[in-house]
Amino acid sequence: MTPVDVRQRRSRRLIAFAAAAVVFLIATARLFVWPATDPPQRVDAIVMYAGSPGRLARAVELTRAGYAPMLAVSNPFGQDRCPVAVPSVQVICFRPDPLTTQGEARMTAQLAARYNWRSVLVVAGTPQGTRARLRLNRCYAGRILLATAAPPWYTWPYMIIYEWGATAKALTIQRSC
């Protein structure tokens, strides 16, 4: 093999690596940094999925703005308190089983059946948004809207790594509701 062949092979590998890195970064941005969200609309219930700070405040804000007569708050670990009464709103706090986004999606579907919800607005952390929608689509046939709350900046690296793993698991191993 000549030195020119070696350089060409290295160049091709470098270009392939750079292209893969660009695709990975674009996918990360689209899936976890700027997931597809929906403008708030009137729904039967707002459901907050547990996790990073800011979600509960966002869910209560949307509820107080009149987007739903019910607010369901996931509280798997007891970190978030059930919000104080919101005028003219029924507040439900629940503990999902399992204590995961999959459990939250299952519980959302159960609550929807119990309370006859035909539409929900899910409030999730920004990195979790894509996976929350994926999970809920498998469990619930009604209209799903998604709003997100950004986590603190210093948690983003961990959350993105976590979401890649959790999303891969949801797409390959845990494909049912």
C-alpha atoms as a PDB file:
ATOM      1  CA  MET A   1       0.000   0.000   0.000  1.00  0.00           C
ATOM      2  CA  THR A   2       1.416   3.360  -0.981  1.00  0.00           C
ATOM      3  CA  PRO A   3       1.552   6.431   1.259  1.00  0.00           C
ATOM      4  CA  VAL A   4      -1.105   8.045  -0.948  1.00  0.00           C
ATOM      5  CA  ASP A   5      -3.453   5.088  -0.386  1.00  0.00           C
ATOM      6  CA  VAL A   6      -2.899   5.309   3.378  1.00  0.00           C
ATOM      7  CA  ARG A   7      -3.710   9.047   3.357  1.00  0.00           C
ATOM      8  CA  GLN A   8      -6.840   8.490   1.268  1.00  0.00           C
ATOM      9  CA  ARG A   9      -8.018   5.749   3.606  1.00  0.00           C
ATOM     10  CA  ARG A  10      -7.428   8.003   6.648  1.00  0.00           C
ATOM     11  CA  SER A  11      -9.233  10.855   4.923  1.00  0.00           C
ATOM     12  CA  ARG A  12     -12.236   8.646   4.183  1.00  0.00           C
ATOM     13  CA  ARG A  13     -12.343   7.449   7.783  1.00  0.00           C
ATOM     14  CA  LEU A  14     -12.108  11.010   9.076  1.00  0.00           C
ATOM     15  CA  ILE A  15     -14.917  12.149   6.767  1.00  0.00           C
ATOM     16  CA  ALA A  16     -17.084   9.190   7.794  1.00  0.00           C
ATOM     17  CA  PHE A  17     -16.431   9.914  11.473  1.00  0.00           C
ATOM     18  CA  ALA A  18     -17.202  13.624  11.005  1.00  0.00           C
ATOM     19  CA  ALA A  19     -20.429  12.813   9.131  1.00  0.00           C
ATOM     20  CA  ALA A  20     -21.509  10.387  11.881  1.00  0.00           C
ATOM     21  CA  ALA A  21     -20.744  13.015  14.531  1.00  0.00           C
ATOM     22  CA  VAL A  22     -22.827  15.618  12.678  1.00  0.00           C
ATOM     23  CA  VAL A  23     -25.768  13.196  12.344  1.00  0.00           C
ATOM     24  CA  PHE A  24     -25.503  12.345  16.057  1.00  0.00           C
ATOM     25  CA  LEU A  25     -25.455  16.030  17.059  1.00  0.00           C
ATOM     26  CA  ILE A  26     -28.420  16.871  14.832  1.00  0.00           C
ATOM     27  CA  ALA A  27     -30.399  13.916  16.212  1.00  0.00           C
ATOM     28  CA  THR A  28     -29.522  14.934  19.790  1.00  0.00           C
ATOM     29  CA  ALA A  29     -30.653  18.497  19.146  1.00  0.00           C
ATOM     30  CA  ARG A  30     -33.899  17.440  17.481  1.00  0.00           C
ATOM     31  CA  LEU A  31     -34.836  14.711  19.947  1.00  0.00           C
ATOM     32  CA  PHE A  32     -33.682  16.116  23.288  1.00  0.00           C
ATOM     33  CA  VAL A  33     -32.799  19.814  23.087  1.00  0.00           C
ATOM     34  CA  TRP A  34     -35.626  21.048  20.840  1.00  0.00           C
ATOM     35  CA  PRO A  35     -38.237  18.269  20.845  1.00  0.00           C
ATOM     36  CA  ALA A  36     -41.529  18.751  19.027  1.00  0.00           C
ATOM     37  CA  THR A  37     -43.907  20.620  21.315  1.00  0.00           C
ATOM     38  CA  ASP A  38     -47.420  21.961  20.864  1.00  0.00           C
ATOM     39  CA  PRO A  39     -48.942  25.344  21.598  1.00  0.00           C
ATOM     40  CA  PRO A  40     -51.204  25.073  24.646  1.00  0.00           C
ATOM     41  CA  GLN A  41     -54.852  24.408  23.822  1.00  0.00           C
ATOM     42  CA  ARG A  42     -57.890  23.541  25.877  1.00  0.00           C
ATOM     43  CA  VAL A  43     -57.712  19.879  26.950  1.00  0.00           C
ATOM     44  CA  ASP A  44     -59.448  17.594  29.417  1.00  0.00           C
ATOM     45  CA  ALA A  45     -56.412  17.372  31.708  1.00  0.00           C
ATOM     46  CA  ILE A  46     -52.858  18.563  32.165  1.00  0.00           C
ATOM     47  CA  VAL A  47     -50.537  15.767  33.295  1.00  0.00           C
ATOM     48  CA  MET A  48     -47.131  16.565  34.758  1.00  0.00           C
ATOM     49  CA  TYR A  49     -44.469  13.885  34.468  1.00  0.00           C
ATOM     50  CA  ALA A  50     -41.975  13.888  37.328  1.00  0.00           C
ATOM     51  CA  GLY A  51     -38.358  14.916  37.088  1.00  0.00           C
ATOM     52  CA  SER A  52     -36.370  18.096  36.894  1.00  0.00           C
ATOM     53  CA  PRO A  53     -37.373  21.376  38.545  1.00  0.00           C
ATOM     54  CA  GLY A  54     -39.731  23.702  36.728  1.00  0.00           C
ATOM     55  CA  ARG A  55     -42.261  21.116  35.578  1.00  0.00           C
ATOM     56  CA  LEU A  56     -44.694  21.604  38.430  1.00  0.00           C
ATOM     57  CA  ALA A  57     -44.615  25.392  38.090  1.00  0.00           C
ATOM     58  CA  ARG A  58     -45.231  25.081  34.326  1.00  0.00           C
ATOM     59  CA  ALA A  59     -48.129  22.652  34.849  1.00  0.00           C
ATOM     60  CA  VAL A  60     -49.754  24.879  37.475  1.00  0.00           C
ATOM     61  CA  GLU A  61     -49.227  27.937  35.245  1.00  0.00           C
ATOM     62  CA  LEU A  62     -51.005  26.219  32.327  1.00  0.00           C
ATOM     63  CA  THR A  63     -53.802  25.052  34.616  1.00  0.00           C
ATOM     64  CA  ARG A  64     -54.312  28.517  36.109  1.00  0.00           C
ATOM     65  CA  ALA A  65     -54.404  29.913  32.553  1.00  0.00           C
ATOM     66  CA  GLY A  66     -57.535  27.811  32.036  1.00  0.00           C
ATOM     67  CA  TYR A  67     -56.259  25.141  29.654  1.00  0.00           C
ATOM     68  CA  ALA A  68     -57.778  22.266  31.665  1.00  0.00           C
ATOM     69  CA  PRO A  69     -60.213  21.598  34.508  1.00  0.00           C
ATOM     70  CA  MET A  70     -57.967  18.819  35.889  1.00  0.00           C
ATOM     71  CA  LEU A  71     -54.304  18.623  36.838  1.00  0.00           C
ATOM     72  CA  ALA A  72     -52.641  15.246  37.408  1.00  0.00           C
ATOM     73  CA  VAL A  73     -49.197  15.305  39.002  1.00  0.00           C
ATOM     74  CA  SER A  74     -46.838  12.337  38.930  1.00  0.00           C
ATOM     75  CA  ASN A  75     -45.009  12.026  42.208  1.00  0.00           C
ATOM     76  CA  PRO A  76     -43.049   8.766  42.101  1.00  0.00           C
ATOM     77  CA  PHE A  77     -40.388   9.653  44.646  1.00  0.00           C
ATOM     78  CA  GLY A  78     -42.162  12.164  46.881  1.00  0.00           C
ATOM     79  CA  GLN A  79     -39.906  15.004  45.646  1.00  0.00           C
ATOM     80  CA  ASP A  80     -42.664  17.229  44.280  1.00  0.00           C
ATOM     81  CA  ARG A  81     -45.463  18.143  46.583  1.00  0.00           C
ATOM     82  CA  CYS A  82     -48.974  17.980  45.323  1.00  0.00           C
ATOM     83  CA  PRO A  83     -49.781  21.589  44.434  1.00  0.00           C
ATOM     84  CA  VAL A  84     -52.061  23.596  46.623  1.00  0.00           C
ATOM     85  CA  ALA A  85     -55.605  23.950  45.405  1.00  0.00           C
ATOM     86  CA  VAL A  86     -56.012  25.704  42.081  1.00  0.00           C
ATOM     87  CA  PRO A  87     -59.385  27.489  41.844  1.00  0.00           C
ATOM     88  CA  SER A  88     -61.938  25.529  39.766  1.00  0.00           C
ATOM     89  CA  VAL A  89     -59.428  22.749  39.068  1.00  0.00           C
ATOM     90  CA  GLN A  90     -59.438  19.169  40.357  1.00  0.00           C
ATOM     91  CA  VAL A  91     -55.899  18.152  41.353  1.00  0.00           C
ATOM     92  CA  ILE A  92     -54.864  14.491  41.355  1.00  0.00           C
ATOM     93  CA  CYS A  93     -51.470  13.296  42.552  1.00  0.00           C
ATOM     94  CA  PHE A  94     -50.412   9.806  41.551  1.00  0.00           C
ATOM     95  CA  ARG A  95     -47.560   7.372  41.968  1.00  0.00           C
ATOM     96  CA  PRO A  96     -46.836   5.530  38.707  1.00  0.00           C
ATOM     97  CA  ASP A  97     -46.022   1.836  38.553  1.00  0.00           C
ATOM     98  CA  PRO A  98     -43.283   1.305  37.516  1.00  0.00           C
ATOM     99  CA  LEU A  99     -41.642   4.535  38.695  1.00  0.00           C
ATOM    100  CA  THR A 100     -40.668   5.523  35.151  1.00  0.00           C
ATOM    101  CA  THR A 101     -41.945   7.413  32.140  1.00  0.00           C
ATOM    102  CA  GLN A 102     -43.493   4.131  30.995  1.00  0.00           C
ATOM    103  CA  GLY A 103     -45.362   3.915  34.313  1.00  0.00           C
ATOM    104  CA  GLU A 104     -46.468   7.530  33.960  1.00  0.00           C
ATOM    105  CA  ALA A 105     -47.818   6.829  30.468  1.00  0.00           C
ATOM    106  CA  ARG A 106     -49.713   3.790  31.762  1.00  0.00           C
ATOM    107  CA  MET A 107     -51.131   5.797  34.651  1.00  0.00           C
ATOM    108  CA  THR A 108     -52.129   8.628  32.321  1.00  0.00           C
ATOM    109  CA  ALA A 109     -54.080   6.122  30.205  1.00  0.00           C
ATOM    110  CA  GLN A 110     -55.753   4.674  33.335  1.00  0.00           C
ATOM    111  CA  LEU A 111     -56.716   8.132  34.586  1.00  0.00           C
ATOM    112  CA  ALA A 112     -57.992   9.040  31.117  1.00  0.00           C
ATOM    113  CA  ALA A 113     -60.237   5.982  31.119  1.00  0.00           C
ATOM    114  CA  ARG A 114     -61.461   6.697  34.662  1.00  0.00           C
ATOM    115  CA  TYR A 115     -62.199  10.391  34.030  1.00  0.00           C
ATOM    116  CA  ASN A 116     -63.127  10.112  30.336  1.00  0.00           C
ATOM    117  CA  TRP A 117     -60.302  12.325  29.085  1.00  0.00           C
ATOM    118  CA  ARG A 118     -60.168  12.622  25.302  1.00  0.00           C
ATOM    119  CA  SER A 119     -57.224  15.012  25.316  1.00  0.00           C
ATOM    120  CA  VAL A 120     -54.242  15.684  27.563  1.00  0.00           C
ATOM    121  CA  LEU A 121     -51.424  18.178  27.731  1.00  0.00           C
ATOM    122  CA  VAL A 122     -48.324  16.489  29.136  1.00  0.00           C
ATOM    123  CA  VAL A 123     -45.707  18.637  30.837  1.00  0.00           C
ATOM    124  CA  ALA A 124     -42.304  16.940  30.753  1.00  0.00           C
ATOM    125  CA  GLY A 125     -38.705  18.006  30.997  1.00  0.00           C
ATOM    126  CA  THR A 126     -37.339  19.193  27.669  1.00  0.00           C
ATOM    127  CA  PRO A 127     -34.955  16.235  27.174  1.00  0.00           C
ATOM    128  CA  GLN A 128     -37.736  13.776  28.133  1.00  0.00           C
ATOM    129  CA  GLY A 129     -40.341  15.233  25.762  1.00  0.00           C
ATOM    130  CA  THR A 130     -39.778  12.955  22.769  1.00  0.00           C
ATOM    131  CA  ARG A 131     -39.775   9.811  24.899  1.00  0.00           C
ATOM    132  CA  ALA A 132     -42.804  10.933  26.917  1.00  0.00           C
ATOM    133  CA  ARG A 133     -44.801  11.376  23.704  1.00  0.00           C
ATOM    134  CA  LEU A 134     -43.570   8.018  22.354  1.00  0.00           C
ATOM    135  CA  ARG A 135     -44.544   6.194  25.546  1.00  0.00           C
ATOM    136  CA  LEU A 136     -47.948   7.865  25.856  1.00  0.00           C
ATOM    137  CA  ASN A 137     -48.824   7.201  22.205  1.00  0.00           C
ATOM    138  CA  ARG A 138     -48.484   3.492  22.984  1.00  0.00           C
ATOM    139  CA  CYS A 139     -50.903   3.638  25.918  1.00  0.00           C
ATOM    140  CA  TYR A 140     -53.446   6.332  25.125  1.00  0.00           C
ATOM    141  CA  ALA A 141     -55.571   6.816  22.006  1.00  0.00           C
ATOM    142  CA  GLY A 142     -56.693  10.381  22.723  1.00  0.00           C
ATOM    143  CA  ARG A 143     -55.190  13.670  21.585  1.00  0.00           C
ATOM    144  CA  ILE A 144     -51.767  14.326  23.107  1.00  0.00           C
ATOM    145  CA  LEU A 145     -50.180  17.745  23.385  1.00  0.00           C
ATOM    146  CA  LEU A 146     -46.712  18.288  24.827  1.00  0.00           C
ATOM    147  CA  ALA A 147     -45.268  21.219  26.740  1.00  0.00           C
ATOM    148  CA  THR A 148     -41.790  21.157  28.227  1.00  0.00           C
ATOM    149  CA  ALA A 149     -39.874  22.765  31.047  1.00  0.00           C
ATOM    150  CA  ALA A 150     -36.124  23.186  30.630  1.00  0.00           C
ATOM    151  CA  PRO A 151     -33.973  21.667  33.353  1.00  0.00           C
ATOM    152  CA  PRO A 152     -31.084  23.588  34.949  1.00  0.00           C
ATOM    153  CA  TRP A 153     -28.231  24.078  32.467  1.00  0.00           C
ATOM    154  CA  TYR A 154     -25.738  22.028  34.482  1.00  0.00           C
ATOM    155  CA  THR A 155     -27.902  18.881  34.227  1.00  0.00           C
ATOM    156  CA  TRP A 156     -28.086  18.840  30.424  1.00  0.00           C
ATOM    157  CA  PRO A 157     -25.045  16.600  29.728  1.00  0.00           C
ATOM    158  CA  TYR A 158     -26.270  13.906  32.116  1.00  0.00           C
ATOM    159  CA  MET A 159     -29.874  14.187  30.915  1.00  0.00           C
ATOM    160  CA  ILE A 160     -28.943  13.879  27.246  1.00  0.00           C
ATOM    161  CA  ILE A 161     -26.836  10.788  27.903  1.00  0.00           C
ATOM    162  CA  TYR A 162     -29.656   9.333  30.003  1.00  0.00           C
ATOM    163  CA  GLU A 163     -32.273  10.107  27.332  1.00  0.00           C
ATOM    164  CA  TRP A 164     -30.234   8.401  24.594  1.00  0.00           C
ATOM    165  CA  GLY A 165     -30.198   5.217  26.667  1.00  0.00           C
ATOM    166  CA  ALA A 166     -33.815   5.450  27.782  1.00  0.00           C
ATOM    167  CA  THR A 167     -35.032   6.215  24.265  1.00  0.00           C
ATOM    168  CA  ALA A 168     -33.038   3.335  22.806  1.00  0.00           C
ATOM    169  CA  LYS A 169     -34.594   1.058  25.434  1.00  0.00           C
ATOM    170  CA  ALA A 170     -38.092   2.345  24.616  1.00  0.00           C
ATOM    171  CA  LEU A 171     -37.528   1.762  20.895  1.00  0.00           C
ATOM    172  CA  THR A 172     -35.975  -1.694  21.155  1.00  0.00           C
ATOM    173  CA  ILE A 173     -36.699  -3.536  24.407  1.00  0.00           C
ATOM    174  CA  GLN A 174     -39.852  -1.952  25.858  1.00  0.00           C
ATOM    175  CA  ARG A 175     -41.996  -1.557  22.747  1.00  0.00           C
ATOM    176  CA  SER A 176     -45.401  -1.943  24.406  1.00  0.00           C
ATOM    177  CA  CYS A 177     -47.388   0.255  26.721  1.00  0.00           C
END
